[in-house]
Amino acid sequence: MKFQERIFQYISKKKLFSPGDKVLVALSGGADSVALLRVLLELGFSCEAAHCNFRLRGKESDRDEAFVRELCQSQGVPFQVIHFETEAYAVEQRISIEMAARKLRYDWFEKMRQERNCRVIAVAHHRNDSAETFLLNLVRGTGIRGLKGMAPVNGAVVRPLLGVDREQILHYLTSLGQSYVTDSTNLQDEYVRNKIRLDIIPKFQEINPSFQNSLLETAERLAQVEAIYRRGIEEAMKRVLSDELRMDIAALLREVSPQAILYEWLYPLGFNASQLDDIFRGLEGECGRWYEVQGWRLLRDRDYLILSPAVSSEKKYRLVVERFTVAEPFRVPADLRKAYLDADRVMEPLVLRKWQPGDRFMPYGMNRFKRVRDYLRDRKFTRFEKEEQQVVTAGDEIVWLVNERPDHRFRITEQSRNILVLSVVEM
């Protein structure tokens, strides 16, 4: 089967796009992306090209840009280019150069896709890339999702060359007499993916010349298994999650594979395998332990695992004060979101603040003081809820534990005629 026929069949089988769709081709100038552009044009697809100059390889980066510009002019393909200060962006975002380049290019590709009215973004990953991704994920540690290889479709990004390998791509370019540029860094053993490509895969092929095909066949089977697994996880999540941030520990432990459910809930948020093992082992231990990653905290509460943003957004609240007078005894509404107090007993000024160690008040209905800490503990507040609890004070006295209880000393009685109403709203 000709190279062109293979690509057309793969596009049709995977339903990547239709003949009438316009395709934005991510064109680096390397063999793979050049072959992708040429074969799509041969097949009659309407294409535009987009090229990123990351300013990472000096004259070589400029050479690549000049090459793709000339190629697009010769093929009559509309061409878009952008220059990035990749190193500066990586430092600013505190990420690796590779991650910075990936984010910059895909964000820009999507912007160009929309502006140029293209249906999809076509990238030139092929079978060898998929095999490398499988091994890369295996080395770094991954769930079953990471062992599927590359997906033909990921949102608006499609991969028409996943049905062919590098050797077939080079043979196709030779048949066309089409040149391409070579990124010198791809020939150097300095990045993890290159180590896999240049060192590890050749070693496996010495043992089994069909290693790459065997690996990809395994990845395809795992993709089918993952679809079944994903459905099972989704159903289990419904059983164990009270909401997106709260997991019922007892319900989790009743599941067939609680560790897998815990992994799928927390791993995408940045919790690593070691932390997940600690969290699982701690499920039957004492409550109060908490774990933290960038962006999130996880609390092992009494009956639940509770997620909360790691860095508090420091929500700001405003105290709303209302006053009115009544001619007869006032019946206090049953509303914890408001405090109804005898205005004649409350001294100004009123202050809204978070509770502090040592704070105490006389909860409504009681005739003795109680520490706020003890009250919150008895009410089984989580650590996160305790951190956010507010009080309203008048002088040195707490008049209201916000949204919980007013202080008994400032309650409404039958003799009260001047009514003070407090509520708190988020700013």
Protein backbone atom coordinates (compact mmCIF):
# COMPACT_ATOMS: atom_id res chain seq x y z
CA MET A 1 0.00 0.00 0.00
CA LYS A 2 1.30 3.45 -0.91
CA PHE A 3 2.21 5.89 1.83
CA GLN A 4 -0.56 8.25 0.76
CA GLU A 5 -3.16 5.48 0.89
CA ARG A 6 -2.06 4.48 4.38
CA ILE A 7 -2.47 8.03 5.63
CA PHE A 8 -5.87 8.49 3.98
CA GLN A 9 -7.15 5.21 5.41
CA TYR A 10 -5.91 6.15 8.89
CA ILE A 11 -7.56 9.58 8.72
CA SER A 12 -10.83 7.98 7.60
CA LYS A 13 -10.72 5.10 10.12
CA LYS A 14 -10.00 7.37 13.08
CA LYS A 15 -12.32 10.13 11.77
CA LEU A 16 -9.65 12.77 12.26
CA PHE A 17 -11.19 15.25 9.83
CA SER A 18 -13.21 15.38 6.60
CA PRO A 19 -12.20 16.30 3.02
CA GLY A 20 -13.91 19.68 3.31
CA ASP A 21 -12.13 20.67 6.52
CA LYS A 22 -9.24 23.13 6.61
CA VAL A 23 -6.21 21.78 8.50
CA LEU A 24 -3.59 23.78 10.40
CA VAL A 25 -0.31 21.86 10.08
CA ALA A 26 2.27 22.32 12.83
CA LEU A 27 5.36 22.65 10.63
CA SER A 28 8.81 22.54 12.26
CA GLY A 29 10.75 21.79 9.08
CA GLY A 30 11.83 18.35 10.26
CA ALA A 31 11.19 15.23 8.20
CA ASP A 32 7.99 14.27 9.99
CA SER A 33 6.16 17.59 9.73
CA VAL A 34 7.32 18.15 6.14
CA ALA A 35 5.99 14.71 5.17
CA LEU A 36 2.72 15.50 6.94
CA LEU A 37 2.22 18.71 4.97
CA ARG A 38 3.17 17.16 1.64
CA VAL A 39 0.96 14.09 2.01
CA LEU A 40 -2.09 16.10 3.11
CA LEU A 41 -1.63 18.37 0.10
CA GLU A 42 -1.30 15.33 -2.17
CA LEU A 43 -4.53 13.94 -0.73
CA GLY A 44 -6.31 17.18 -1.59
CA PHE A 45 -6.80 18.61 1.87
CA SER A 46 -6.87 22.38 2.37
CA CYS A 47 -3.91 23.26 4.60
CA GLU A 48 -2.30 26.19 6.33
CA ALA A 49 1.02 25.96 8.17
CA ALA A 50 2.17 27.34 11.53
CA HIS A 51 5.80 27.50 12.65
CA CYS A 52 7.27 28.33 16.07
CA ASN A 53 10.75 29.83 16.39
CA PHE A 54 11.68 29.18 20.02
CA ARG A 55 15.02 31.04 19.79
CA LEU A 56 16.80 28.13 21.44
CA ARG A 57 19.33 27.10 18.77
CA GLY A 58 20.60 30.41 17.40
CA LYS A 59 21.25 30.33 13.65
CA GLU A 60 19.77 26.85 13.40
CA SER A 61 16.37 28.14 14.57
CA ASP A 62 16.49 30.89 11.95
CA ARG A 63 17.51 28.34 9.31
CA ASP A 64 14.44 26.24 10.13
CA GLU A 65 12.16 29.25 9.83
CA ALA A 66 13.61 30.21 6.46
CA PHE A 67 13.23 26.63 5.20
CA VAL A 68 9.57 26.26 6.13
CA ARG A 69 8.78 29.71 4.75
CA GLU A 70 10.30 28.74 1.39
CA LEU A 71 8.57 25.34 1.44
CA CYS A 72 5.15 26.91 2.02
CA GLN A 73 5.73 29.47 -0.73
CA SER A 74 6.65 26.72 -3.18
CA GLN A 75 3.54 24.71 -2.26
CA GLY A 76 1.21 27.73 -2.18
CA VAL A 77 0.38 27.16 1.49
CA PRO A 78 -0.58 30.12 3.74
CA PHE A 79 2.08 30.40 6.44
CA GLN A 80 2.06 31.78 10.00
CA VAL A 81 5.15 32.19 12.21
CA ILE A 82 5.80 33.35 15.76
CA HIS A 83 8.96 33.99 17.79
CA PHE A 84 9.06 33.01 21.47
CA GLU A 85 11.45 33.97 24.27
CA THR A 86 11.26 30.41 25.55
CA GLU A 87 14.03 30.50 28.15
CA ALA A 88 12.65 33.63 29.79
CA TYR A 89 9.16 32.13 29.85
CA ALA A 90 10.47 28.90 31.44
CA VAL A 91 12.19 30.88 34.21
CA GLU A 92 9.10 33.01 34.78
CA GLN A 93 6.81 29.99 35.01
CA ARG A 94 9.37 27.84 36.87
CA ILE A 95 9.09 24.99 34.42
CA SER A 96 11.52 23.14 32.16
CA ILE A 97 12.45 24.42 28.70
CA GLU A 98 10.62 21.45 27.15
CA MET A 99 7.44 22.14 29.10
CA ALA A 100 7.64 25.85 28.28
CA ALA A 101 8.02 25.17 24.55
CA ARG A 102 5.11 22.72 24.63
CA LYS A 103 2.75 25.14 26.36
CA LEU A 104 3.74 28.07 24.19
CA ARG A 105 3.29 26.24 20.92
CA TYR A 106 -0.01 24.52 21.70
CA ASP A 107 -1.56 27.69 23.08
CA TRP A 108 -0.51 29.54 19.93
CA PHE A 109 -1.62 26.73 17.61
CA GLU A 110 -5.09 26.85 19.15
CA LYS A 111 -5.21 30.62 18.75
CA MET A 112 -4.20 30.29 15.07
CA ARG A 113 -6.70 27.47 14.52
CA GLN A 114 -9.53 29.72 15.61
CA GLU A 115 -8.27 32.84 13.83
CA ARG A 116 -7.63 30.99 10.55
CA ASN A 117 -10.93 29.09 10.78
CA CYS A 118 -9.25 25.66 10.72
CA ARG A 119 -11.05 22.52 11.83
CA VAL A 120 -8.06 20.80 13.47
CA ILE A 121 -4.38 21.15 14.31
CA ALA A 122 -2.38 18.34 12.66
CA VAL A 123 0.88 17.34 14.35
CA ALA A 124 3.43 14.91 12.96
CA HIS A 125 3.80 12.28 15.68
CA HIS A 126 4.23 8.78 14.24
CA ARG A 127 4.44 5.19 15.48
CA ASN A 128 7.99 5.59 16.81
CA ASP A 129 6.93 8.63 18.84
CA SER A 130 4.04 6.65 20.30
CA ALA A 131 6.37 3.84 21.35
CA GLU A 132 8.74 6.35 22.94
CA THR A 133 5.85 7.96 24.84
CA PHE A 134 4.81 4.54 26.18
CA LEU A 135 8.31 3.90 27.54
CA LEU A 136 8.74 7.47 28.78
CA ASN A 137 5.55 7.22 30.84
CA LEU A 138 6.61 3.80 32.10
CA VAL A 139 9.95 5.21 33.28
CA ARG A 140 8.37 8.20 35.01
CA GLY A 141 5.59 6.16 36.59
CA THR A 142 2.04 6.22 35.31
CA GLY A 143 -1.41 4.73 35.52
CA ILE A 144 -2.97 2.69 32.76
CA ARG A 145 -3.82 5.88 30.83
CA GLY A 146 -0.14 6.60 30.24
CA LEU A 147 0.45 3.16 28.70
CA LYS A 148 -1.89 3.68 25.76
CA GLY A 149 0.66 5.41 23.60
CA MET A 150 -0.40 8.57 21.77
CA ALA A 151 -4.04 9.20 20.99
CA PRO A 152 -5.05 9.91 17.37
CA VAL A 153 -7.32 12.71 18.60
CA ASN A 154 -6.84 14.97 21.61
CA GLY A 155 -9.36 17.80 21.48
CA ALA A 156 -8.58 19.78 18.32
CA VAL A 157 -5.16 18.13 17.91
CA VAL A 158 -4.97 15.20 15.49
CA ARG A 159 -2.10 12.86 14.56
CA PRO A 160 -2.52 11.56 10.99
CA LEU A 161 0.90 9.82 10.91
CA LEU A 162 0.37 7.44 13.83
CA GLY A 163 -0.22 4.61 11.37
CA VAL A 164 3.27 4.83 9.86
CA ASP A 165 6.80 4.74 11.21
CA ARG A 166 9.87 6.91 10.72
CA GLU A 167 11.37 4.66 8.05
CA GLN A 168 8.22 4.91 5.92
CA ILE A 169 8.19 8.71 6.33
CA LEU A 170 11.81 9.02 5.14
CA HIS A 171 11.13 6.70 2.19
CA TYR A 172 8.15 8.86 1.19
CA LEU A 173 10.23 12.04 1.29
CA THR A 174 12.95 10.39 -0.80
CA SER A 175 10.37 9.39 -3.40
CA LEU A 176 9.32 13.03 -3.65
CA GLY A 177 12.87 14.36 -3.71
CA GLN A 178 11.79 16.52 -0.77
CA SER A 179 14.43 17.92 1.57
CA TYR A 180 13.98 18.74 5.24
CA VAL A 181 15.99 20.16 8.13
CA THR A 182 17.45 18.25 11.07
CA ASP A 183 17.32 19.50 14.65
CA SER A 184 20.82 18.81 15.98
CA THR A 185 19.50 18.35 19.51
CA ASN A 186 17.55 15.29 18.34
CA LEU A 187 20.88 13.62 17.59
CA GLN A 188 22.24 14.31 21.05
CA ASP A 189 21.78 12.06 24.04
CA GLU A 190 20.72 14.87 26.40
CA TYR A 191 16.97 14.57 26.95
CA VAL A 192 15.08 11.62 28.40
CA ARG A 193 13.09 11.02 25.22
CA ASN A 194 16.29 11.02 23.17
CA LYS A 195 17.87 8.54 25.57
CA ILE A 196 14.92 6.24 24.96
CA ARG A 197 15.08 6.77 21.19
CA LEU A 198 18.84 6.43 20.79
CA ASP A 199 19.81 4.00 23.55
CA ILE A 200 16.94 2.00 25.02
CA ILE A 201 14.79 1.06 22.03
CA PRO A 202 17.79 -0.18 19.98
CA LYS A 203 18.75 -2.46 22.90
CA PHE A 204 15.27 -3.98 22.99
CA GLN A 205 15.36 -4.43 19.21
CA GLU A 206 18.53 -6.45 19.56
CA ILE A 207 16.49 -8.87 21.65
CA ASN A 208 13.34 -8.65 19.52
CA PRO A 209 13.55 -6.96 16.09
CA SER A 210 9.75 -6.53 16.22
CA PHE A 211 9.89 -4.90 19.63
CA GLN A 212 8.28 -1.62 18.53
CA ASN A 213 5.36 -3.40 16.83
CA SER A 214 4.86 -5.62 19.87
CA LEU A 215 4.90 -2.62 22.18
CA LEU A 216 2.33 -0.72 20.12
CA GLU A 217 0.05 -3.77 19.87
CA THR A 218 0.18 -3.95 23.67
CA ALA A 219 -0.62 -0.24 23.87
CA GLU A 220 -3.67 -0.73 21.63
CA ARG A 221 -4.95 -3.54 23.85
CA LEU A 222 -4.35 -1.42 26.93
CA ALA A 223 -6.33 1.40 25.32
CA GLN A 224 -9.33 -0.94 25.12
CA VAL A 225 -8.78 -2.09 28.70
CA GLU A 226 -8.48 1.54 29.81
CA ALA A 227 -11.91 2.34 28.35
CA ILE A 228 -13.44 -0.37 30.54
CA TYR A 229 -11.33 0.73 33.51
CA ARG A 230 -12.35 4.37 33.04
CA ARG A 231 -16.04 3.51 33.15
CA GLY A 232 -15.51 1.47 36.31
CA ILE A 233 -13.63 4.34 37.95
CA GLU A 234 -16.34 6.84 37.04
CA GLU A 235 -19.01 4.62 38.61
CA ALA A 236 -16.89 4.09 41.72
CA MET A 237 -16.30 7.84 42.07
CA LYS A 238 -20.05 8.38 42.21
CA ARG A 239 -20.24 5.91 45.11
CA VAL A 240 -17.38 7.32 47.19
CA LEU A 241 -17.44 11.07 46.57
CA SER A 242 -19.87 13.22 48.52
CA ASP A 243 -18.78 16.08 46.26
CA GLU A 244 -15.67 16.89 44.21
CA LEU A 245 -13.63 17.69 47.33
CA ARG A 246 -14.85 15.10 49.83
CA MET A 247 -14.36 11.32 49.73
CA ASP A 248 -16.13 8.94 52.12
CA ILE A 249 -13.40 6.72 53.63
CA ALA A 250 -15.70 3.85 54.60
CA ALA A 251 -17.24 3.80 51.12
CA LEU A 252 -13.79 3.89 49.54
CA LEU A 253 -12.57 0.91 51.57
CA ARG A 254 -15.61 -1.12 50.44
CA GLU A 255 -14.52 -0.84 46.81
CA VAL A 256 -12.68 -3.67 45.04
CA SER A 257 -9.59 -1.52 44.42
CA PRO A 258 -9.59 1.51 46.71
CA GLN A 259 -5.99 2.39 45.87
CA ALA A 260 -6.84 2.71 42.16
CA ILE A 261 -9.73 5.06 42.97
CA LEU A 262 -7.52 7.12 45.27
CA TYR A 263 -4.88 7.30 42.53
CA GLU A 264 -7.34 8.50 39.88
CA TRP A 265 -8.74 11.15 42.24
CA LEU A 266 -5.47 12.59 43.51
CA TYR A 267 -2.71 11.85 40.99
CA PRO A 268 -3.97 14.40 38.41
CA LEU A 269 -3.71 17.06 41.14
CA GLY A 270 0.00 16.41 41.65
CA PHE A 271 0.10 13.84 44.49
CA ASN A 272 2.89 11.39 43.70
CA ALA A 273 2.99 7.63 44.17
CA SER A 274 4.84 7.82 47.51
CA GLN A 275 2.32 10.29 48.93
CA LEU A 276 -0.59 8.17 47.70
CA ASP A 277 0.86 5.14 49.49
CA ASP A 278 1.14 7.19 52.71
CA ILE A 279 -2.42 8.46 52.33
CA PHE A 280 -3.78 4.96 51.79
CA ARG A 281 -1.89 3.54 54.76
CA GLY A 282 -3.19 6.41 56.90
CA LEU A 283 -6.87 5.71 56.15
CA GLU A 284 -7.18 3.46 59.19
CA GLY A 285 -4.99 5.62 61.41
CA GLU A 286 -5.88 8.60 63.53
CA CYS A 287 -7.59 11.56 61.96
CA GLY A 288 -6.08 15.01 61.53
CA ARG A 289 -3.17 14.10 59.25
CA TRP A 290 -2.83 16.22 56.16
CA TYR A 291 -0.77 16.14 53.00
CA GLU A 292 0.22 18.94 50.65
CA VAL A 293 1.30 19.40 47.05
CA GLN A 294 1.58 22.56 45.02
CA GLY A 295 -1.93 23.93 44.81
CA TRP A 296 -3.71 21.44 47.09
CA ARG A 297 -3.98 20.13 50.63
CA LEU A 298 -5.61 16.86 51.62
CA LEU A 299 -6.96 16.31 55.14
CA ARG A 300 -7.65 12.89 56.64
CA ASP A 301 -10.71 13.89 58.69
CA ARG A 302 -12.84 11.58 60.85
CA ASP A 303 -14.90 9.99 58.12
CA TYR A 304 -13.67 11.74 55.00
CA LEU A 305 -10.69 12.71 52.92
CA ILE A 306 -11.13 16.42 52.24
CA LEU A 307 -9.39 18.49 49.57
CA SER A 308 -8.76 22.21 49.88
CA PRO A 309 -6.66 24.73 47.95
CA ALA A 310 -3.16 24.66 49.45
CA VAL A 311 -2.74 28.41 49.39
CA SER A 312 -5.81 30.03 50.80
CA SER A 313 -7.35 32.58 48.52
CA GLU A 314 -7.71 34.72 51.65
CA LYS A 315 -11.35 35.35 51.02
CA LYS A 316 -12.46 38.69 52.29
CA TYR A 317 -15.75 39.19 54.10
CA ARG A 318 -17.78 42.20 55.01
CA LEU A 319 -19.97 42.61 58.07
CA VAL A 320 -23.50 43.80 57.30
CA VAL A 321 -25.25 45.58 60.19
CA GLU A 322 -28.97 46.32 60.30
CA ARG A 323 -31.02 47.92 63.08
CA PHE A 324 -34.72 48.32 63.70
CA THR A 325 -37.14 48.93 66.56
CA VAL A 326 -40.19 46.87 67.52
CA ALA A 327 -43.18 47.77 69.70
CA GLU A 328 -43.74 44.26 71.06
CA PRO A 329 -41.69 41.13 71.78
CA PHE A 330 -39.68 40.07 68.71
CA ARG A 331 -39.76 36.48 67.47
CA VAL A 332 -36.26 35.50 66.30
CA PRO A 333 -36.25 33.75 62.89
CA ALA A 334 -34.50 30.38 62.67
CA ASP A 335 -31.64 31.49 60.44
CA LEU A 336 -28.02 30.61 61.30
CA ARG A 337 -26.79 32.99 58.59
CA LYS A 338 -27.93 35.95 60.66
CA ALA A 339 -27.46 36.92 64.29
CA TYR A 340 -30.34 38.72 66.01
CA LEU A 341 -29.09 40.57 69.08
CA ASP A 342 -30.34 43.08 71.64
CA ALA A 343 -28.84 46.33 70.33
CA ASP A 344 -28.92 47.92 73.79
CA ARG A 345 -26.52 45.28 75.13
CA VAL A 346 -23.98 45.43 72.30
CA MET A 347 -21.24 48.05 72.48
CA GLU A 348 -19.64 49.59 69.40
CA PRO A 349 -17.47 49.18 67.43
CA LEU A 350 -18.23 45.78 65.90
CA VAL A 351 -15.27 43.91 64.41
CA LEU A 352 -15.28 40.93 62.06
CA ARG A 353 -12.19 38.69 62.32
CA LYS A 354 -11.04 35.08 62.36
CA TRP A 355 -11.20 33.33 65.72
CA GLN A 356 -7.98 33.08 67.71
CA PRO A 357 -6.59 30.66 70.30
CA GLY A 358 -7.94 31.66 73.71
CA ASP A 359 -11.22 33.03 72.31
CA ARG A 360 -14.28 32.08 74.33
CA PHE A 361 -17.95 32.93 74.28
CA MET A 362 -21.23 31.87 75.85
CA PRO A 363 -23.10 29.88 73.15
CA TYR A 364 -26.79 30.72 72.91
CA GLY A 365 -28.80 28.54 75.29
CA MET A 366 -25.91 28.03 77.72
CA ASN A 367 -25.10 29.87 80.95
CA ARG A 368 -21.37 29.25 80.96
CA PHE A 369 -18.44 30.11 78.75
CA LYS A 370 -16.94 27.74 76.23
CA ARG A 371 -13.72 28.04 74.28
CA VAL A 372 -14.25 28.50 70.56
CA ARG A 373 -11.70 25.75 69.95
CA ASP A 374 -13.76 23.29 72.00
CA TYR A 375 -16.99 24.36 70.36
CA LEU A 376 -15.59 23.77 66.88
CA ARG A 377 -14.15 20.43 67.94
CA ASP A 378 -17.47 19.31 69.41
CA ARG A 379 -19.20 20.38 66.21
CA LYS A 380 -16.69 18.20 64.34
CA PHE A 381 -15.36 20.99 62.19
CA THR A 382 -12.54 19.96 59.87
CA ARG A 383 -9.17 21.63 60.08
CA PHE A 384 -9.96 23.57 56.92
CA GLU A 385 -13.32 24.75 58.28
CA LYS A 386 -11.68 25.82 61.54
CA GLU A 387 -9.16 27.91 59.62
CA GLU A 388 -11.95 29.89 57.97
CA GLN A 389 -14.21 30.39 61.00
CA GLN A 390 -15.05 34.04 61.73
CA VAL A 391 -16.28 35.82 64.85
CA VAL A 392 -17.83 39.23 65.45
CA THR A 393 -16.60 41.08 68.52
CA ALA A 394 -17.80 44.12 70.45
CA GLY A 395 -14.84 45.34 72.43
CA ASP A 396 -13.27 42.26 74.01
CA GLU A 397 -16.47 40.18 73.84
CA ILE A 398 -17.52 37.78 71.08
CA VAL A 399 -21.14 38.51 70.20
CA TRP A 400 -21.47 36.01 67.34
CA LEU A 401 -19.66 32.90 66.17
CA VAL A 402 -20.47 33.57 62.53
CA ASN A 403 -23.08 31.29 60.98
CA GLU A 404 -23.08 29.16 64.13
CA ARG A 405 -24.37 30.77 67.33
CA PRO A 406 -24.80 34.21 68.88
CA ASP A 407 -23.53 34.80 72.41
CA HIS A 408 -26.22 34.10 75.04
CA ARG A 409 -25.45 37.37 76.86
CA PHE A 410 -26.62 39.46 73.90
CA ARG A 411 -29.72 37.44 73.06
CA ILE A 412 -33.15 38.84 72.27
CA THR A 413 -35.51 38.73 75.26
CA GLU A 414 -39.16 39.70 75.67
CA GLN A 415 -37.99 43.11 76.88
CA SER A 416 -35.80 43.77 73.80
CA ARG A 417 -37.12 46.53 71.54
CA ASN A 418 -34.02 47.67 69.67
CA ILE A 419 -32.92 44.84 67.39
CA LEU A 420 -29.46 44.43 65.89
CA VAL A 421 -29.10 42.06 62.91
CA LEU A 422 -25.67 40.87 61.77
CA SER A 423 -24.75 38.97 58.65
CA VAL A 424 -21.56 38.36 56.72
CA VAL A 425 -21.10 38.48 52.94
CA GLU A 426 -18.09 37.58 50.82
CA MET A 427 -16.47 40.55 49.11
